[in-house]
Amino acid sequence: MVSGPIGDGGLGLRAVMGQLDDPDGYLADRYRLPRPRLDLARSLGDQASACADISDGLIADAGHIARASGVALRLDLDRMPLSPVGAAWLADQADRRQGLMTLATSGDDYELVLTAPPEAGKMLGLPVIGVIEAGEGVEVRIDGTPAPPGRGGWTHP
């Protein structure tokens, strides 16, 4: 599950660098003033089995959970929540698959990626974007087909 829209931080960096129009400053604000999801801390404590903030990119941070937990995660990027601005940006992309990968690997969103029983997602109102499986690593799917995750996001030196 994730706690909110993915990709706005990365689009905000592009806006700050002058690579993307941001007439109302929404994206620059999302990049410059991240809002950690402290509002969920208490309710997640009883529900989540693992959790990470999305600073390196959704795929990379899901990978941190998978490695630390000794499991595989399968992410369905078609289920990834987007803000209206992120959805509009994606709609303008010539290659939807690449656009979804860009949003899922950009980082600086400071939303949460977490594992919990499906009923917890319903109770908390969080979208389920994947499943936990036996194995290791992260498998990414778009339109039901595998998509190479590449580095998955920011890689620390």
N, C-alpha and C. Protein backbone atom coordinates (compact mmCIF):
# COMPACT_ATOMS: atom_id res chain seq x y z
N MET A 1 0.84 -1.17 0.00
CA MET A 1 0.00 0.00 0.00
C MET A 1 0.88 1.24 0.00
N VAL A 2 0.31 2.33 -0.43
CA VAL A 2 0.98 3.62 -0.33
C VAL A 2 0.01 4.61 0.31
N SER A 3 0.57 5.65 0.92
CA SER A 3 -0.24 6.60 1.67
C SER A 3 -0.77 7.76 0.86
N GLY A 4 -0.31 7.93 -0.37
CA GLY A 4 -0.78 9.06 -1.17
C GLY A 4 -0.15 9.09 -2.54
N PRO A 5 -0.35 10.20 -3.25
CA PRO A 5 0.10 10.30 -4.64
C PRO A 5 1.61 10.13 -4.79
N ILE A 6 1.97 9.44 -5.87
CA ILE A 6 3.38 9.17 -6.16
C ILE A 6 3.80 9.98 -7.39
N GLY A 7 5.00 10.53 -7.34
CA GLY A 7 5.58 11.21 -8.49
C GLY A 7 5.62 12.72 -8.41
N ASP A 8 4.86 13.33 -7.50
CA ASP A 8 4.83 14.79 -7.44
C ASP A 8 6.18 15.38 -7.04
N GLY A 9 6.92 14.70 -6.16
CA GLY A 9 8.24 15.21 -5.75
C GLY A 9 9.19 15.30 -6.93
N GLY A 10 9.24 14.26 -7.74
CA GLY A 10 10.11 14.26 -8.92
C GLY A 10 9.67 15.29 -9.96
N LEU A 11 8.37 15.42 -10.16
CA LEU A 11 7.87 16.45 -11.08
C LEU A 11 8.17 17.83 -10.53
N GLY A 12 8.10 17.96 -9.19
CA GLY A 12 8.43 19.24 -8.56
C GLY A 12 9.87 19.64 -8.79
N LEU A 13 10.79 18.68 -8.72
CA LEU A 13 12.20 18.97 -9.01
C LEU A 13 12.34 19.48 -10.44
N ARG A 14 11.65 18.83 -11.36
CA ARG A 14 11.69 19.30 -12.76
C ARG A 14 11.15 20.72 -12.88
N ALA A 15 10.09 21.02 -12.14
CA ALA A 15 9.52 22.37 -12.18
C ALA A 15 10.50 23.39 -11.62
N VAL A 16 11.15 23.07 -10.50
CA VAL A 16 12.12 23.97 -9.88
C VAL A 16 13.29 24.22 -10.82
N MET A 17 13.67 23.20 -11.59
CA MET A 17 14.78 23.33 -12.53
C MET A 17 14.36 23.99 -13.85
N GLY A 18 13.09 24.38 -13.97
CA GLY A 18 12.61 25.03 -15.18
C GLY A 18 12.34 24.09 -16.33
N GLN A 19 12.23 22.79 -16.06
CA GLN A 19 12.00 21.80 -17.11
C GLN A 19 10.53 21.46 -17.29
N LEU A 20 9.67 22.01 -16.44
CA LEU A 20 8.26 21.66 -16.47
C LEU A 20 7.45 22.87 -16.00
N ASP A 21 6.39 23.20 -16.72
CA ASP A 21 5.53 24.30 -16.31
C ASP A 21 4.81 23.95 -15.01
N ASP A 22 4.72 24.92 -14.13
CA ASP A 22 4.07 24.75 -12.83
C ASP A 22 3.40 26.07 -12.46
N PRO A 23 2.34 26.44 -13.20
CA PRO A 23 1.77 27.78 -13.06
C PRO A 23 1.30 28.14 -11.66
N ASP A 24 0.76 27.20 -10.92
CA ASP A 24 0.29 27.55 -9.57
C ASP A 24 1.29 27.20 -8.47
N GLY A 25 2.45 26.64 -8.85
CA GLY A 25 3.49 26.32 -7.88
C GLY A 25 3.25 25.07 -7.06
N TYR A 26 2.22 24.29 -7.41
CA TYR A 26 1.90 23.07 -6.65
C TYR A 26 3.08 22.10 -6.62
N LEU A 27 3.66 21.83 -7.78
CA LEU A 27 4.74 20.84 -7.85
C LEU A 27 5.99 21.32 -7.11
N ALA A 28 6.36 22.58 -7.30
CA ALA A 28 7.52 23.11 -6.58
C ALA A 28 7.31 23.02 -5.08
N ASP A 29 6.10 23.28 -4.63
CA ASP A 29 5.77 23.18 -3.21
C ASP A 29 5.91 21.74 -2.72
N ARG A 30 5.43 20.77 -3.50
CA ARG A 30 5.53 19.37 -3.10
C ARG A 30 7.00 18.94 -3.00
N TYR A 31 7.86 19.51 -3.84
CA TYR A 31 9.28 19.18 -3.80
C TYR A 31 9.98 19.90 -2.64
N ARG A 32 9.73 21.19 -2.50
CA ARG A 32 10.46 22.00 -1.52
C ARG A 32 9.97 21.81 -0.08
N LEU A 33 8.69 21.49 0.09
CA LEU A 33 8.12 21.36 1.43
C LEU A 33 7.44 20.01 1.60
N PRO A 34 8.23 18.96 1.69
CA PRO A 34 7.63 17.63 1.85
C PRO A 34 6.82 17.58 3.14
N ARG A 35 5.77 16.79 3.11
CA ARG A 35 4.90 16.65 4.27
C ARG A 35 4.90 15.19 4.72
N PRO A 36 5.81 14.86 5.65
CA PRO A 36 5.87 13.48 6.13
C PRO A 36 4.50 13.06 6.69
N ARG A 37 4.15 11.82 6.49
CA ARG A 37 2.82 11.33 6.86
C ARG A 37 2.74 10.93 8.34
N LEU A 38 3.06 11.87 9.20
CA LEU A 38 3.00 11.63 10.64
C LEU A 38 1.58 11.36 11.11
N ASP A 39 0.60 11.82 10.33
CA ASP A 39 -0.80 11.60 10.68
C ASP A 39 -1.16 10.11 10.70
N LEU A 40 -0.39 9.29 10.03
CA LEU A 40 -0.68 7.86 9.97
C LEU A 40 0.09 7.04 11.01
N ALA A 41 1.03 7.66 11.70
CA ALA A 41 1.93 6.91 12.58
C ALA A 41 1.18 6.05 13.59
N ARG A 42 0.23 6.60 14.27
CA ARG A 42 -0.47 5.85 15.31
C ARG A 42 -1.27 4.69 14.73
N SER A 43 -2.03 4.93 13.67
CA SER A 43 -2.86 3.86 13.12
C SER A 43 -2.03 2.79 12.41
N LEU A 44 -0.89 3.15 11.85
CA LEU A 44 -0.05 2.16 11.19
C LEU A 44 0.66 1.24 12.18
N GLY A 45 0.93 1.75 13.35
CA GLY A 45 1.66 0.96 14.34
C GLY A 45 1.00 -0.37 14.64
N ASP A 46 -0.31 -0.41 14.61
CA ASP A 46 -1.04 -1.64 14.89
C ASP A 46 -1.31 -2.47 13.64
N GLN A 47 -1.09 -1.91 12.45
CA GLN A 47 -1.51 -2.56 11.22
C GLN A 47 -0.36 -2.98 10.30
N ALA A 48 0.64 -2.14 10.17
CA ALA A 48 1.71 -2.38 9.18
C ALA A 48 2.73 -3.38 9.71
N SER A 49 3.17 -4.27 8.82
CA SER A 49 4.25 -5.18 9.18
C SER A 49 5.61 -4.63 8.74
N ALA A 50 5.61 -3.70 7.79
CA ALA A 50 6.83 -3.02 7.35
C ALA A 50 6.42 -1.70 6.72
N CYS A 51 7.31 -0.70 6.81
CA CYS A 51 6.97 0.62 6.28
C CYS A 51 8.25 1.40 5.99
N ALA A 52 8.23 2.19 4.92
CA ALA A 52 9.36 3.07 4.58
C ALA A 52 8.80 4.33 3.95
N ASP A 53 9.51 5.43 4.15
CA ASP A 53 9.10 6.64 3.42
C ASP A 53 9.62 6.55 1.99
N ILE A 54 8.92 7.20 1.09
CA ILE A 54 9.31 7.15 -0.33
C ILE A 54 10.16 8.39 -0.62
N SER A 55 11.45 8.22 -0.35
CA SER A 55 12.40 9.29 -0.62
C SER A 55 13.28 8.95 -1.81
N ASP A 56 13.56 7.67 -2.00
CA ASP A 56 14.43 7.24 -3.10
C ASP A 56 13.65 6.88 -4.36
N GLY A 57 12.34 6.79 -4.26
CA GLY A 57 11.48 6.35 -5.35
C GLY A 57 10.68 5.15 -4.87
N LEU A 58 9.44 5.03 -5.31
CA LEU A 58 8.57 3.94 -4.86
C LEU A 58 9.22 2.57 -5.05
N ILE A 59 9.76 2.32 -6.23
CA ILE A 59 10.32 1.00 -6.51
C ILE A 59 11.55 0.74 -5.65
N ALA A 60 12.42 1.71 -5.51
CA ALA A 60 13.62 1.55 -4.70
C ALA A 60 13.26 1.32 -3.23
N ASP A 61 12.33 2.10 -2.71
CA ASP A 61 11.98 1.97 -1.30
C ASP A 61 11.19 0.69 -1.02
N ALA A 62 10.37 0.25 -1.97
CA ALA A 62 9.73 -1.06 -1.84
C ALA A 62 10.81 -2.14 -1.83
N GLY A 63 11.86 -1.95 -2.61
CA GLY A 63 12.98 -2.89 -2.63
C GLY A 63 13.68 -2.96 -1.29
N HIS A 64 13.80 -1.82 -0.59
CA HIS A 64 14.41 -1.83 0.75
C HIS A 64 13.57 -2.71 1.69
N ILE A 65 12.25 -2.59 1.60
CA ILE A 65 11.37 -3.41 2.44
C ILE A 65 11.53 -4.89 2.07
N ALA A 66 11.53 -5.18 0.77
CA ALA A 66 11.66 -6.58 0.33
C ALA A 66 12.95 -7.21 0.84
N ARG A 67 14.07 -6.49 0.69
CA ARG A 67 15.35 -7.03 1.15
C ARG A 67 15.37 -7.24 2.66
N ALA A 68 14.92 -6.24 3.41
CA ALA A 68 14.95 -6.34 4.87
C ALA A 68 14.01 -7.42 5.39
N SER A 69 12.93 -7.69 4.66
CA SER A 69 11.92 -8.65 5.10
C SER A 69 12.13 -10.05 4.53
N GLY A 70 13.03 -10.19 3.56
CA GLY A 70 13.26 -11.49 2.96
C GLY A 70 12.09 -11.99 2.14
N VAL A 71 11.42 -11.08 1.43
CA VAL A 71 10.28 -11.43 0.59
C VAL A 71 10.42 -10.76 -0.77
N ALA A 72 9.51 -11.10 -1.65
CA ALA A 72 9.40 -10.41 -2.95
C ALA A 72 8.14 -9.55 -2.91
N LEU A 73 8.19 -8.42 -3.54
CA LEU A 73 7.02 -7.56 -3.68
C LEU A 73 6.71 -7.43 -5.16
N ARG A 74 5.45 -7.56 -5.52
CA ARG A 74 5.01 -7.33 -6.89
C ARG A 74 4.15 -6.08 -6.89
N LEU A 75 4.61 -5.05 -7.60
CA LEU A 75 3.92 -3.76 -7.67
C LEU A 75 3.19 -3.63 -8.99
N ASP A 76 1.96 -3.16 -8.94
CA ASP A 76 1.15 -2.90 -10.12
C ASP A 76 1.06 -1.38 -10.28
N LEU A 77 1.86 -0.83 -11.17
CA LEU A 77 1.91 0.63 -11.32
C LEU A 77 0.62 1.22 -11.86
N ASP A 78 -0.24 0.41 -12.45
CA ASP A 78 -1.54 0.91 -12.89
C ASP A 78 -2.42 1.29 -11.70
N ARG A 79 -2.10 0.76 -10.53
CA ARG A 79 -2.87 1.05 -9.32
C ARG A 79 -2.24 2.14 -8.47
N MET A 80 -1.11 2.66 -8.90
CA MET A 80 -0.39 3.69 -8.16
C MET A 80 -1.20 4.99 -8.15
N PRO A 81 -1.48 5.55 -6.97
CA PRO A 81 -2.26 6.79 -6.93
C PRO A 81 -1.46 7.98 -7.44
N LEU A 82 -2.12 8.83 -8.20
CA LEU A 82 -1.50 10.04 -8.74
C LEU A 82 -2.34 11.24 -8.35
N SER A 83 -1.68 12.36 -8.18
CA SER A 83 -2.42 13.61 -7.97
C SER A 83 -3.03 14.02 -9.31
N PRO A 84 -3.97 14.95 -9.31
CA PRO A 84 -4.50 15.43 -10.59
C PRO A 84 -3.40 15.99 -11.50
N VAL A 85 -2.42 16.66 -10.92
CA VAL A 85 -1.31 17.21 -11.71
C VAL A 85 -0.44 16.08 -12.27
N GLY A 86 -0.17 15.07 -11.45
CA GLY A 86 0.61 13.93 -11.92
C GLY A 86 -0.12 13.16 -13.01
N ALA A 87 -1.44 12.99 -12.84
CA ALA A 87 -2.23 12.29 -13.86
C ALA A 87 -2.25 13.08 -15.17
N ALA A 88 -2.33 14.40 -15.08
CA ALA A 88 -2.31 15.23 -16.30
C ALA A 88 -0.96 15.13 -16.99
N TRP A 89 0.13 15.14 -16.21
CA TRP A 89 1.47 14.99 -16.79
C TRP A 89 1.56 13.64 -17.50
N LEU A 90 1.10 12.58 -16.85
CA LEU A 90 1.17 11.24 -17.44
C LEU A 90 0.36 11.18 -18.74
N ALA A 91 -0.80 11.80 -18.75
CA ALA A 91 -1.65 11.79 -19.95
C ALA A 91 -0.96 12.47 -21.13
N ASP A 92 -0.04 13.40 -20.86
CA ASP A 92 0.68 14.11 -21.92
C ASP A 92 1.91 13.35 -22.43
N GLN A 93 2.25 12.24 -21.81
CA GLN A 93 3.46 11.51 -22.20
C GLN A 93 3.17 10.61 -23.40
N ALA A 94 4.10 10.59 -24.33
CA ALA A 94 3.96 9.75 -25.52
C ALA A 94 4.02 8.26 -25.16
N ASP A 95 4.77 7.92 -24.13
CA ASP A 95 4.95 6.53 -23.71
C ASP A 95 4.45 6.40 -22.27
N ARG A 96 3.23 5.90 -22.11
CA ARG A 96 2.62 5.78 -20.79
C ARG A 96 3.45 4.90 -19.86
N ARG A 97 3.97 3.79 -20.36
CA ARG A 97 4.78 2.90 -19.52
C ARG A 97 6.00 3.63 -18.97
N GLN A 98 6.70 4.35 -19.84
CA GLN A 98 7.86 5.09 -19.38
C GLN A 98 7.46 6.20 -18.41
N GLY A 99 6.34 6.83 -18.65
CA GLY A 99 5.84 7.85 -17.74
C GLY A 99 5.56 7.30 -16.35
N LEU A 100 4.91 6.14 -16.28
CA LEU A 100 4.65 5.51 -14.99
C LEU A 100 5.96 5.15 -14.28
N MET A 101 6.92 4.65 -15.04
CA MET A 101 8.22 4.32 -14.45
C MET A 101 8.91 5.58 -13.93
N THR A 102 8.80 6.67 -14.67
CA THR A 102 9.40 7.93 -14.21
C THR A 102 8.79 8.34 -12.88
N LEU A 103 7.48 8.30 -12.78
CA LEU A 103 6.81 8.70 -11.54
C LEU A 103 7.18 7.76 -10.38
N ALA A 104 7.30 6.47 -10.66
CA ALA A 104 7.58 5.48 -9.62
C ALA A 104 9.04 5.45 -9.19
N THR A 105 9.92 6.12 -9.91
CA THR A 105 11.35 6.09 -9.57
C THR A 105 11.92 7.46 -9.20
N SER A 106 11.10 8.50 -9.24
CA SER A 106 11.61 9.86 -9.03
C SER A 106 12.00 10.17 -7.60
N GLY A 107 11.25 9.73 -6.63
CA GLY A 107 11.58 9.99 -5.23
C GLY A 107 11.11 11.33 -4.74
N ASP A 108 11.50 11.66 -3.51
CA ASP A 108 11.15 12.91 -2.83
C ASP A 108 9.66 13.10 -2.62
N ASP A 109 8.89 12.00 -2.59
CA ASP A 109 7.47 12.13 -2.32
C ASP A 109 7.17 12.15 -0.82
N TYR A 110 7.93 11.42 -0.05
CA TYR A 110 7.75 11.31 1.40
C TYR A 110 6.36 10.83 1.79
N GLU A 111 5.73 10.10 0.86
CA GLU A 111 4.57 9.29 1.22
C GLU A 111 5.15 8.00 1.80
N LEU A 112 4.29 7.09 2.21
CA LEU A 112 4.75 5.84 2.79
C LEU A 112 4.42 4.67 1.88
N VAL A 113 5.31 3.70 1.80
CA VAL A 113 5.04 2.41 1.19
C VAL A 113 5.08 1.42 2.35
N LEU A 114 4.06 0.57 2.43
CA LEU A 114 3.96 -0.30 3.58
C LEU A 114 3.34 -1.64 3.21
N THR A 115 3.61 -2.61 4.05
CA THR A 115 2.96 -3.91 3.92
C THR A 115 2.05 -4.08 5.12
N ALA A 116 0.88 -4.62 4.86
CA ALA A 116 -0.13 -4.86 5.90
C ALA A 116 -1.19 -5.77 5.31
N PRO A 117 -1.99 -6.41 6.16
CA PRO A 117 -3.08 -7.23 5.63
C PRO A 117 -4.05 -6.38 4.81
N PRO A 118 -4.66 -6.94 3.76
CA PRO A 118 -5.56 -6.17 2.90
C PRO A 118 -6.67 -5.45 3.67
N GLU A 119 -7.19 -6.06 4.72
CA GLU A 119 -8.26 -5.40 5.48
C GLU A 119 -7.77 -4.13 6.16
N ALA A 120 -6.47 -4.04 6.46
CA ALA A 120 -5.92 -2.82 7.04
C ALA A 120 -5.98 -1.68 6.03
N GLY A 121 -5.73 -1.99 4.77
CA GLY A 121 -5.82 -0.96 3.73
C GLY A 121 -7.22 -0.40 3.63
N LYS A 122 -8.21 -1.27 3.72
CA LYS A 122 -9.60 -0.80 3.69
C LYS A 122 -9.90 0.07 4.90
N MET A 123 -9.45 -0.37 6.07
CA MET A 123 -9.71 0.37 7.30
C MET A 123 -9.03 1.74 7.27
N LEU A 124 -7.81 1.78 6.75
CA LEU A 124 -7.05 3.03 6.71
C LEU A 124 -7.35 3.87 5.48
N GLY A 125 -8.05 3.30 4.51
CA GLY A 125 -8.35 4.04 3.28
C GLY A 125 -7.15 4.19 2.37
N LEU A 126 -6.22 3.24 2.41
CA LEU A 126 -5.01 3.31 1.59
C LEU A 126 -5.14 2.38 0.39
N PRO A 127 -4.68 2.83 -0.78
CA PRO A 127 -4.76 1.96 -1.96
C PRO A 127 -3.73 0.83 -1.92
N VAL A 128 -4.20 -0.36 -2.26
CA VAL A 128 -3.32 -1.52 -2.37
C VAL A 128 -2.76 -1.51 -3.79
N ILE A 129 -1.43 -1.50 -3.89
CA ILE A 129 -0.79 -1.43 -5.21
C ILE A 129 0.06 -2.65 -5.52
N GLY A 130 0.00 -3.65 -4.65
CA GLY A 130 0.81 -4.83 -4.90
C GLY A 130 0.55 -5.92 -3.90
N VAL A 131 1.38 -6.95 -4.00
CA VAL A 131 1.26 -8.11 -3.11
C VAL A 131 2.65 -8.56 -2.66
N ILE A 132 2.66 -9.26 -1.53
CA ILE A 132 3.87 -9.87 -1.01
C ILE A 132 3.88 -11.32 -1.49
N GLU A 133 5.06 -11.78 -1.93
CA GLU A 133 5.20 -13.15 -2.41
C GLU A 133 6.47 -13.76 -1.86
N ALA A 134 6.56 -15.07 -1.94
CA ALA A 134 7.81 -15.74 -1.59
C ALA A 134 8.85 -15.35 -2.64
N GLY A 135 10.08 -15.24 -2.23
CA GLY A 135 11.15 -14.90 -3.15
C GLY A 135 11.90 -13.68 -2.66
N GLU A 136 12.42 -12.92 -3.62
CA GLU A 136 13.19 -11.73 -3.26
C GLU A 136 13.06 -10.69 -4.35
N GLY A 137 13.28 -9.44 -3.97
CA GLY A 137 13.28 -8.34 -4.93
C GLY A 137 11.91 -7.76 -5.21
N VAL A 138 11.86 -6.91 -6.22
CA VAL A 138 10.64 -6.23 -6.62
C VAL A 138 10.35 -6.54 -8.08
N GLU A 139 9.14 -6.97 -8.34
CA GLU A 139 8.67 -7.15 -9.72
C GLU A 139 7.68 -6.03 -9.99
N VAL A 140 7.83 -5.38 -11.11
CA VAL A 140 6.96 -4.27 -11.49
C VAL A 140 6.12 -4.71 -12.67
N ARG A 141 4.83 -4.38 -12.62
CA ARG A 141 3.92 -4.69 -13.73
C ARG A 141 3.19 -3.42 -14.15
N ILE A 142 3.01 -3.30 -15.46
CA ILE A 142 2.21 -2.23 -16.06
C ILE A 142 1.34 -2.90 -17.11
N ASP A 143 0.06 -2.61 -17.08
CA ASP A 143 -0.89 -3.26 -17.99
C ASP A 143 -0.79 -4.78 -17.92
N GLY A 144 -0.50 -5.31 -16.73
CA GLY A 144 -0.45 -6.74 -16.53
C GLY A 144 0.81 -7.43 -17.01
N THR A 145 1.75 -6.67 -17.57
CA THR A 145 2.98 -7.29 -18.07
C THR A 145 4.18 -6.75 -17.30
N PRO A 146 5.22 -7.58 -17.15
CA PRO A 146 6.41 -7.13 -16.41
C PRO A 146 7.06 -5.92 -17.07
N ALA A 147 7.58 -5.04 -16.23
CA ALA A 147 8.33 -3.87 -16.67
C ALA A 147 9.66 -3.88 -15.92
N PRO A 148 10.78 -3.82 -16.63
CA PRO A 148 12.08 -3.83 -15.93
C PRO A 148 12.18 -2.64 -14.98
N PRO A 149 12.48 -2.89 -13.70
CA PRO A 149 12.52 -1.79 -12.74
C PRO A 149 13.79 -0.95 -12.81
N GLY A 150 14.79 -1.40 -13.55
CA GLY A 150 16.04 -0.64 -13.58
C GLY A 150 16.60 -0.51 -12.18
N ARG A 151 17.17 0.64 -11.87
CA ARG A 151 17.68 0.88 -10.52
C ARG A 151 16.54 1.11 -9.53
N GLY A 152 15.38 1.48 -10.02
CA GLY A 152 14.21 1.68 -9.15
C GLY A 152 14.13 3.06 -8.53
N GLY A 153 15.16 3.85 -8.67
CA GLY A 153 15.18 5.19 -8.07
C GLY A 153 16.60 5.57 -7.69
N TRP A 154 16.69 6.45 -6.72
CA TRP A 154 17.98 6.94 -6.25
C TRP A 154 18.75 5.78 -5.62
N THR A 155 20.01 5.65 -5.97
CA THR A 155 20.87 4.64 -5.39
C THR A 155 21.95 5.36 -4.58
N HIS A 156 22.02 5.05 -3.31
CA HIS A 156 22.99 5.69 -2.45
C HIS A 156 24.40 5.17 -2.75
N PRO A 157 25.38 6.08 -2.78
CA PRO A 157 26.75 5.64 -3.06
C PRO A 157 27.32 4.79 -1.95
